[in-house]
PDB file of N, CA and C in Angstrom:
ATOM      1  N   UNK A   1       0.849  -1.181   0.000  1.00  0.00           N
ATOM      2  CA  UNK A   1       0.000   0.000   0.000  1.00  0.00           C
ATOM      3  C   UNK A   1       0.891   1.240   0.000  1.00  0.00           C
ATOM      4  N   UNK A   2       0.665   2.103  -0.959  1.00  0.00           N
ATOM      5  CA  UNK A   2       1.458   3.320  -1.075  1.00  0.00           C
ATOM      6  C   UNK A   2       0.950   4.367  -0.084  1.00  0.00           C
ATOM      7  N   UNK A   3       1.879   5.035   0.529  1.00  0.00           N
ATOM      8  CA  UNK A   3       1.536   6.102   1.482  1.00  0.00           C
ATOM      9  C   UNK A   3       1.430   7.421   0.724  1.00  0.00           C
ATOM     10  N   UNK A   4       0.415   8.193   1.071  1.00  0.00           N
ATOM     11  CA  UNK A   4       0.285   9.521   0.492  1.00  0.00           C
ATOM     12  C   UNK A   4       1.295  10.440   1.170  1.00  0.00           C
ATOM     13  N   UNK A   5       1.820  11.412   0.444  1.00  0.00           N
ATOM     14  CA  UNK A   5       2.719  12.381   1.085  1.00  0.00           C
ATOM     15  C   UNK A   5       1.971  13.167   2.161  1.00  0.00           C
ATOM     16  N   UNK A   6       2.705  13.632   3.145  1.00  0.00           N
ATOM     17  CA  UNK A   6       2.096  14.447   4.196  1.00  0.00           C
ATOM     18  C   UNK A   6       1.611  15.766   3.611  1.00  0.00           C
ATOM     19  N   UNK A   7       0.527  16.250   4.160  1.00  0.00           N
ATOM     20  CA  UNK A   7       0.019  17.561   3.736  1.00  0.00           C
ATOM     21  C   UNK A   7       0.899  18.638   4.364  1.00  0.00           C
ATOM     22  N   UNK A   8       0.764  19.841   3.884  1.00  0.00           N
ATOM     23  CA  UNK A   8       1.561  20.932   4.455  1.00  0.00           C
ATOM     24  C   UNK A   8       1.164  21.183   5.910  1.00  0.00           C
ATOM     25  N   UNK A   9      -0.112  20.996   6.237  1.00  0.00           N
ATOM     26  CA  UNK A   9      -0.554  21.170   7.628  1.00  0.00           C
ATOM     27  C   UNK A   9       0.069  20.105   8.525  1.00  0.00           C
ATOM     28  N   UNK A  10       0.142  18.864   8.051  1.00  0.00           N
ATOM     29  CA  UNK A  10       0.767  17.798   8.827  1.00  0.00           C
ATOM     30  C   UNK A  10       2.256  18.077   9.035  1.00  0.00           C
ATOM     31  N   UNK A  11       2.905  18.512   7.975  1.00  0.00           N
ATOM     32  CA  UNK A  11       4.338  18.837   8.076  1.00  0.00           C
ATOM     33  C   UNK A  11       4.568  19.964   9.078  1.00  0.00           C
ATOM     34  N   UNK A  12       3.694  20.958   9.059  1.00  0.00           N
ATOM     35  CA  UNK A  12       3.818  22.087   9.976  1.00  0.00           C
ATOM     36  C   UNK A  12       3.621  21.634  11.418  1.00  0.00           C
ATOM     37  N   UNK A  13       2.634  20.762  11.655  1.00  0.00           N
ATOM     38  CA  UNK A  13       2.380  20.251  13.003  1.00  0.00           C
ATOM     39  C   UNK A  13       3.582  19.442  13.505  1.00  0.00           C
ATOM     40  N   UNK A  14       4.136  18.613  12.650  1.00  0.00           N
ATOM     41  CA  UNK A  14       5.321  17.830  13.029  1.00  0.00           C
ATOM     42  C   UNK A  14       6.490  18.763  13.335  1.00  0.00           C
ATOM     43  N   UNK A  15       6.640  19.808  12.549  1.00  0.00           N
ATOM     44  CA  UNK A  15       7.720  20.769  12.791  1.00  0.00           C
ATOM     45  C   UNK A  15       7.545  21.452  14.146  1.00  0.00           C
ATOM     46  N   UNK A  16       6.309  21.806  14.507  1.00  0.00           N
ATOM     47  CA  UNK A  16       6.063  22.444  15.801  1.00  0.00           C
ATOM     48  C   UNK A  16       6.370  21.490  16.954  1.00  0.00           C
ATOM     49  N   UNK A  17       6.041  20.218  16.794  1.00  0.00           N
ATOM     50  CA  UNK A  17       6.391  19.222  17.817  1.00  0.00           C
ATOM     51  C   UNK A  17       7.912  19.111  17.919  1.00  0.00           C
ATOM     52  N   UNK A  18       8.580  19.085  16.769  1.00  0.00           N
ATOM     53  CA  UNK A  18      10.046  19.018  16.764  1.00  0.00           C
ATOM     54  C   UNK A  18      10.647  20.233  17.475  1.00  0.00           C
ATOM     55  N   UNK A  19      10.111  21.404  17.224  1.00  0.00           N
ATOM     56  CA  UNK A  19      10.589  22.604  17.910  1.00  0.00           C
ATOM     57  C   UNK A  19      10.412  22.479  19.420  1.00  0.00           C
ATOM     58  N   UNK A  20       9.268  21.954  19.855  1.00  0.00           N
ATOM     59  CA  UNK A  20       9.029  21.782  21.287  1.00  0.00           C
ATOM     60  C   UNK A  20      10.054  20.838  21.899  1.00  0.00           C
ATOM     61  N   UNK A  21      10.377  19.758  21.195  1.00  0.00           N
ATOM     62  CA  UNK A  21      11.373  18.810  21.690  1.00  0.00           C
ATOM     63  C   UNK A  21      12.764  19.443  21.740  1.00  0.00           C
ATOM     64  N   UNK A  22      13.093  20.233  20.736  1.00  0.00           N
ATOM     65  CA  UNK A  22      14.399  20.906  20.704  1.00  0.00           C
ATOM     66  C   UNK A  22      14.499  21.931  21.825  1.00  0.00           C
ATOM     67  N   UNK A  23      13.431  22.676  22.067  1.00  0.00           N
ATOM     68  CA  UNK A  23      13.428  23.664  23.152  1.00  0.00           C
ATOM     69  C   UNK A  23      13.653  22.970  24.498  1.00  0.00           C
ATOM     70  N   UNK A  24      12.955  21.852  24.727  1.00  0.00           N
ATOM     71  CA  UNK A  24      13.122  21.114  25.985  1.00  0.00           C
ATOM     72  C   UNK A  24      14.547  20.591  26.128  1.00  0.00           C
ATOM     73  N   UNK A  25      15.091  20.062  25.045  1.00  0.00           N
ATOM     74  CA  UNK A  25      16.462  19.548  25.081  1.00  0.00           C
ATOM     75  C   UNK A  25      17.459  20.673  25.312  1.00  0.00           C
ATOM     76  N   UNK A  26      17.259  21.795  24.642  1.00  0.00           N
ATOM     77  CA  UNK A  26      18.146  22.943  24.799  1.00  0.00           C
ATOM     78  C   UNK A  26      18.116  23.464  26.235  1.00  0.00           C
ATOM     79  N   UNK A  27      16.928  23.479  26.812  1.00  0.00           N
ATOM     80  CA  UNK A  27      16.799  23.938  28.196  1.00  0.00           C
ATOM     81  C   UNK A  27      17.612  23.034  29.127  1.00  0.00           C
ATOM     82  N   UNK A  28      17.527  21.728  28.900  1.00  0.00           N
ATOM     83  CA  UNK A  28      18.200  20.756  29.773  1.00  0.00           C
ATOM     84  C   UNK A  28      19.704  20.684  29.516  1.00  0.00           C
ATOM     85  N   UNK A  29      20.103  20.724  28.258  1.00  0.00           N
ATOM     86  CA  UNK A  29      21.507  20.505  27.897  1.00  0.00           C
ATOM     87  C   UNK A  29      22.366  21.772  27.851  1.00  0.00           C
ATOM     88  N   UNK A  30      21.744  22.918  27.636  1.00  0.00           N
ATOM     89  CA  UNK A  30      22.513  24.155  27.470  1.00  0.00           C
ATOM     90  C   UNK A  30      22.201  25.172  28.566  1.00  0.00           C
ATOM     91  N   UNK A  31      20.936  25.527  28.690  1.00  0.00           N
ATOM     92  CA  UNK A  31      20.559  26.613  29.596  1.00  0.00           C
ATOM     93  C   UNK A  31      20.748  26.221  31.053  1.00  0.00           C
ATOM     94  N   UNK A  32      20.330  25.020  31.420  1.00  0.00           N
ATOM     95  CA  UNK A  32      20.480  24.575  32.809  1.00  0.00           C
ATOM     96  C   UNK A  32      21.948  24.595  33.255  1.00  0.00           C
ATOM     97  N   UNK A  33      22.869  23.959  32.510  1.00  0.00           N
ATOM     98  CA  UNK A  33      24.274  23.998  32.951  1.00  0.00           C
ATOM     99  C   UNK A  33      24.851  25.414  33.019  1.00  0.00           C
ATOM    100  N   UNK A  34      24.502  26.248  32.038  1.00  0.00           N
ATOM    101  CA  UNK A  34      25.019  27.622  32.037  1.00  0.00           C
ATOM    102  C   UNK A  34      24.500  28.399  33.240  1.00  0.00           C
ATOM    103  N   UNK A  35      23.215  28.248  33.539  1.00  0.00           N
ATOM    104  CA  UNK A  35      22.598  28.964  34.656  1.00  0.00           C
ATOM    105  C   UNK A  35      23.205  28.516  35.979  1.00  0.00           C
ATOM    106  N   UNK A  36      23.349  27.208  36.150  1.00  0.00           N
ATOM    107  CA  UNK A  36      23.922  26.690  37.385  1.00  0.00           C
ATOM    108  C   UNK A  36      25.392  27.074  37.525  1.00  0.00           C
ATOM    109  N   UNK A  37      26.101  27.113  36.406  1.00  0.00           N
ATOM    110  CA  UNK A  37      27.516  27.506  36.427  1.00  0.00           C
ATOM    111  C   UNK A  37      27.665  28.958  36.881  1.00  0.00           C
ATOM    112  N   UNK A  38      26.710  29.795  36.512  1.00  0.00           N
ATOM    113  CA  UNK A  38      26.722  31.202  36.924  1.00  0.00           C
ATOM    114  C   UNK A  38      26.256  31.376  38.362  1.00  0.00           C
ATOM    115  N   UNK A  39      25.827  30.290  38.993  1.00  0.00           N
ATOM    116  CA  UNK A  39      25.366  30.355  40.373  1.00  0.00           C
ATOM    117  C   UNK A  39      23.948  30.875  40.527  1.00  0.00           C
ATOM    118  N   UNK A  40      23.223  30.908  39.434  1.00  0.00           N
ATOM    119  CA  UNK A  40      21.845  31.393  39.478  1.00  0.00           C
ATOM    120  C   UNK A  40      20.899  30.209  39.681  1.00  0.00           C
ATOM    121  N   UNK A  41      19.745  30.460  40.263  1.00  0.00           N
ATOM    122  CA  UNK A  41      18.789  29.359  40.436  1.00  0.00           C
ATOM    123  C   UNK A  41      18.185  28.960  39.087  1.00  0.00           C
ATOM    124  N   UNK A  42      17.957  27.678  38.927  1.00  0.00           N
ATOM    125  CA  UNK A  42      17.361  27.171  37.688  1.00  0.00           C
ATOM    126  C   UNK A  42      16.035  26.514  38.016  1.00  0.00           C
ATOM    127  N   UNK A  43      14.997  26.891  37.290  1.00  0.00           N
ATOM    128  CA  UNK A  43      13.687  26.275  37.458  1.00  0.00           C
ATOM    129  C   UNK A  43      13.293  25.665  36.117  1.00  0.00           C
ATOM    130  N   UNK A  44      13.117  24.352  36.130  1.00  0.00           N
ATOM    131  CA  UNK A  44      12.787  23.641  34.899  1.00  0.00           C
ATOM    132  C   UNK A  44      11.487  24.184  34.299  1.00  0.00           C
ATOM    133  N   UNK A  45      11.516  24.435  33.025  1.00  0.00           N
ATOM    134  CA  UNK A  45      10.334  24.893  32.317  1.00  0.00           C
ATOM    135  C   UNK A  45      10.256  26.392  32.092  1.00  0.00           C
ATOM    136  N   UNK A  46      11.091  27.160  32.771  1.00  0.00           N
ATOM    137  CA  UNK A  46      11.024  28.619  32.601  1.00  0.00           C
ATOM    138  C   UNK A  46      11.334  29.043  31.164  1.00  0.00           C
ATOM    139  N   UNK A  47      12.400  28.490  30.592  1.00  0.00           N
ATOM    140  CA  UNK A  47      12.765  28.850  29.218  1.00  0.00           C
ATOM    141  C   UNK A  47      11.670  28.423  28.255  1.00  0.00           C
ATOM    142  N   UNK A  48      11.152  27.225  28.440  1.00  0.00           N
ATOM    143  CA  UNK A  48      10.091  26.723  27.564  1.00  0.00           C
ATOM    144  C   UNK A  48       8.875  27.644  27.608  1.00  0.00           C
ATOM    145  N   UNK A  49       8.488  28.073  28.808  1.00  0.00           N
ATOM    146  CA  UNK A  49       7.329  28.956  28.949  1.00  0.00           C
ATOM    147  C   UNK A  49       7.516  30.245  28.158  1.00  0.00           C
ATOM    148  N   UNK A  50       8.707  30.817  28.250  1.00  0.00           N
ATOM    149  CA  UNK A  50       8.994  32.055  27.517  1.00  0.00           C
ATOM    150  C   UNK A  50       8.912  31.805  26.020  1.00  0.00           C
ATOM    151  N   UNK A  51       9.522  30.717  25.568  1.00  0.00           N
ATOM    152  CA  UNK A  51       9.513  30.400  24.139  1.00  0.00           C
ATOM    153  C   UNK A  51       8.091  30.126  23.660  1.00  0.00           C
ATOM    154  N   UNK A  52       7.333  29.369  24.443  1.00  0.00           N
ATOM    155  CA  UNK A  52       5.977  29.029  24.035  1.00  0.00           C
ATOM    156  C   UNK A  52       5.065  30.254  24.007  1.00  0.00           C
ATOM    157  N   UNK A  53       5.332  31.245  24.837  1.00  0.00           N
ATOM    158  CA  UNK A  53       4.559  32.491  24.778  1.00  0.00           C
ATOM    159  C   UNK A  53       4.849  33.232  23.484  1.00  0.00           C
ATOM    160  N   UNK A  54       6.104  33.179  23.045  1.00  0.00           N
ATOM    161  CA  UNK A  54       6.473  33.870  21.805  1.00  0.00           C
ATOM    162  C   UNK A  54       5.959  33.131  20.573  1.00  0.00           C
ATOM    163  N   UNK A  55       5.907  31.797  20.655  1.00  0.00           N
ATOM    164  CA  UNK A  55       5.444  30.979  19.532  1.00  0.00           C
ATOM    165  C   UNK A  55       4.380  30.015  20.081  1.00  0.00           C
ATOM    166  N   UNK A  56       3.146  30.488  20.228  1.00  0.00           N
ATOM    167  CA  UNK A  56       2.117  29.679  20.882  1.00  0.00           C
ATOM    168  C   UNK A  56       1.802  28.362  20.176  1.00  0.00           C
ATOM    169  N   UNK A  57       2.026  28.285  18.865  1.00  0.00           N
ATOM    170  CA  UNK A  57       1.757  27.039  18.156  1.00  0.00           C
ATOM    171  C   UNK A  57       2.657  25.916  18.671  1.00  0.00           C
ATOM    172  N   UNK A  58       3.856  26.268  19.087  1.00  0.00           N
ATOM    173  CA  UNK A  58       4.792  25.268  19.598  1.00  0.00           C
ATOM    174  C   UNK A  58       4.326  24.788  20.975  1.00  0.00           C
ATOM    175  N   UNK A  59       3.860  25.700  21.799  1.00  0.00           N
ATOM    176  CA  UNK A  59       3.310  25.311  23.093  1.00  0.00           C
ATOM    177  C   UNK A  59       2.091  24.418  22.934  1.00  0.00           C
ATOM    178  N   UNK A  60       1.250  24.744  21.966  1.00  0.00           N
ATOM    179  CA  UNK A  60       0.067  23.934  21.695  1.00  0.00           C
ATOM    180  C   UNK A  60       0.479  22.531  21.241  1.00  0.00           C
ATOM    181  N   UNK A  61       1.480  22.455  20.376  1.00  0.00           N
ATOM    182  CA  UNK A  61       1.972  21.158  19.902  1.00  0.00           C
ATOM    183  C   UNK A  61       2.577  20.358  21.052  1.00  0.00           C
ATOM    184  N   UNK A  62       3.269  21.027  21.955  1.00  0.00           N
ATOM    185  CA  UNK A  62       3.891  20.344  23.096  1.00  0.00           C
ATOM    186  C   UNK A  62       2.817  19.758  24.014  1.00  0.00           C
ATOM    187  N   UNK A  63       1.770  20.514  24.266  1.00  0.00           N
ATOM    188  CA  UNK A  63       0.683  20.010  25.098  1.00  0.00           C
ATOM    189  C   UNK A  63      -0.025  18.826  24.430  1.00  0.00           C
ATOM    190  N   UNK A  64      -0.239  18.920  23.127  1.00  0.00           N
ATOM    191  CA  UNK A  64      -0.870  17.818  22.389  1.00  0.00           C
ATOM    192  C   UNK A  64       0.016  16.574  22.420  1.00  0.00           C
ATOM    193  N   UNK A  65       1.325  16.775  22.324  1.00  0.00           N
ATOM    194  CA  UNK A  65       2.254  15.645  22.382  1.00  0.00           C
ATOM    195  C   UNK A  65       2.186  14.968  23.741  1.00  0.00           C
ATOM    196  N   UNK A  66       2.159  15.761  24.816  1.00  0.00           N
ATOM    197  CA  UNK A  66       2.062  15.182  26.170  1.00  0.00           C
ATOM    198  C   UNK A  66       0.795  14.333  26.317  1.00  0.00           C
ATOM    199  N   UNK A  67      -0.328  14.851  25.812  1.00  0.00           N
ATOM    200  CA  UNK A  67      -1.589  14.111  25.890  1.00  0.00           C
ATOM    201  C   UNK A  67      -1.527  12.830  25.065  1.00  0.00           C
ATOM    202  N   UNK A  68      -0.935  12.923  23.876  1.00  0.00           N
ATOM    203  CA  UNK A  68      -0.831  11.753  23.003  1.00  0.00           C
ATOM    204  C   UNK A  68       0.069  10.687  23.622  1.00  0.00           C
ATOM    205  N   UNK A  69       1.160  11.098  24.249  1.00  0.00           N
ATOM    206  CA  UNK A  69       2.067  10.151  24.899  1.00  0.00           C
ATOM    207  C   UNK A  69       1.338   9.468  26.061  1.00  0.00           C
ATOM    208  N   UNK A  70       0.611  10.229  26.857  1.00  0.00           N
ATOM    209  CA  UNK A  70      -0.132   9.648  27.973  1.00  0.00           C
ATOM    210  C   UNK A  70      -1.177   8.651  27.469  1.00  0.00           C
ATOM    211  N   UNK A  71      -1.876   8.996  26.404  1.00  0.00           N
ATOM    212  CA  UNK A  71      -2.882   8.100  25.836  1.00  0.00           C
ATOM    213  C   UNK A  71      -2.223   6.833  25.289  1.00  0.00           C
ATOM    214  N   UNK A  72      -1.100   6.976  24.634  1.00  0.00           N
ATOM    215  CA  UNK A  72      -0.388   5.820  24.093  1.00  0.00           C
ATOM    216  C   UNK A  72       0.091   4.908  25.216  1.00  0.00           C
ATOM    217  N   UNK A  73       0.569   5.492  26.305  1.00  0.00           N
ATOM    218  CA  UNK A  73       1.006   4.683  27.450  1.00  0.00           C
ATOM    219  C   UNK A  73      -0.165   3.905  28.045  1.00  0.00           C
ATOM    220  N   UNK A  74      -1.313   4.575  28.167  1.00  0.00           N
ATOM    221  CA  UNK A  74      -2.508   3.886  28.680  1.00  0.00           C
ATOM    222  C   UNK A  74      -2.923   2.749  27.749  1.00  0.00           C
ATOM    223  N   UNK A  75      -2.927   3.016  26.441  1.00  0.00           N
ATOM    224  CA  UNK A  75      -3.328   1.993  25.464  1.00  0.00           C
ATOM    225  C   UNK A  75      -2.407   0.776  25.517  1.00  0.00           C
ATOM    226  N   UNK A  76      -1.128   1.016  25.616  1.00  0.00           N
ATOM    227  CA  UNK A  76      -0.174  -0.099  25.674  1.00  0.00           C
ATOM    228  C   UNK A  76      -0.347  -0.866  26.979  1.00  0.00           C
ATOM    229  N   UNK A  77      -0.537  -0.166  28.085  1.00  0.00           N
ATOM    230  CA  UNK A  77      -0.746  -0.830  29.370  1.00  0.00           C
ATOM    231  C   UNK A  77      -2.002  -1.703  29.321  1.00  0.00           C
ATOM    232  N   UNK A  78      -3.061  -1.193  28.717  1.00  0.00           N
ATOM    233  CA  UNK A  78      -4.302  -1.959  28.593  1.00  0.00           C
ATOM    234  C   UNK A  78      -4.089  -3.191  27.720  1.00  0.00           C
ATOM    235  N   UNK A  79      -3.351  -3.019  26.619  1.00  0.00           N
ATOM    236  CA  UNK A  79      -3.125  -4.162  25.729  1.00  0.00           C
ATOM    237  C   UNK A  79      -2.317  -5.253  26.416  1.00  0.00           C
ATOM    238  N   UNK A  80      -1.382  -4.881  27.297  1.00  0.00           N
ATOM    239  CA  UNK A  80      -0.609  -5.882  28.045  1.00  0.00           C
ATOM    240  C   UNK A  80      -1.492  -6.612  29.048  1.00  0.00           C
ATOM    241  N   UNK A  81      -2.413  -5.891  29.666  1.00  0.00           N
ATOM    242  CA  UNK A  81      -3.312  -6.507  30.637  1.00  0.00           C
ATOM    243  C   UNK A  81      -4.213  -7.535  29.966  1.00  0.00           C
ATOM    244  N   UNK A  82      -4.686  -7.223  28.758  1.00  0.00           N
ATOM    245  CA  UNK A  82      -5.562  -8.145  28.036  1.00  0.00           C
ATOM    246  C   UNK A  82      -4.826  -9.390  27.583  1.00  0.00           C
ATOM    247  N   UNK A  83      -3.580  -9.257  27.210  1.00  0.00           N
ATOM    248  CA  UNK A  83      -2.815 -10.414  26.751  1.00  0.00           C
ATOM    249  C   UNK A  83      -2.459 -11.337  27.908  1.00  0.00           C
ATOM    250  N   UNK A  84      -2.346 -10.780  29.107  1.00  0.00           N
ATOM    251  CA  UNK A  84      -2.004 -11.583  30.271  1.00  0.00           C
ATOM    252  C   UNK A  84      -3.188 -12.341  30.852  1.00  0.00           C
ATOM    253  N   UNK A  85      -4.405 -11.995  30.421  1.00  0.00           N
ATOM    254  CA  UNK A  85      -5.616 -12.642  30.980  1.00  0.00           C
ATOM    255  C   UNK A  85      -5.814 -14.031  30.446  1.00  0.00           C
TER     256      UNK A  85
END
């Protein structure tokens, strides 16, 4: 079965999710060490909040991703329970 190419809206949504993941990684790998090295307090999520306010579509994609991951975890847990019965 041939797959249809992604629509531009789908590509844009995937890009926004990718941006959210990059922002989270950047916060953890770059901003956190720099902030702690300077002796300043670091609060997880502060950078993301600022970025998501500037680009709300990315924040929306991040929230949708969190919900989708939670739903997928529930679905997999349920499927394991049914197979064990």
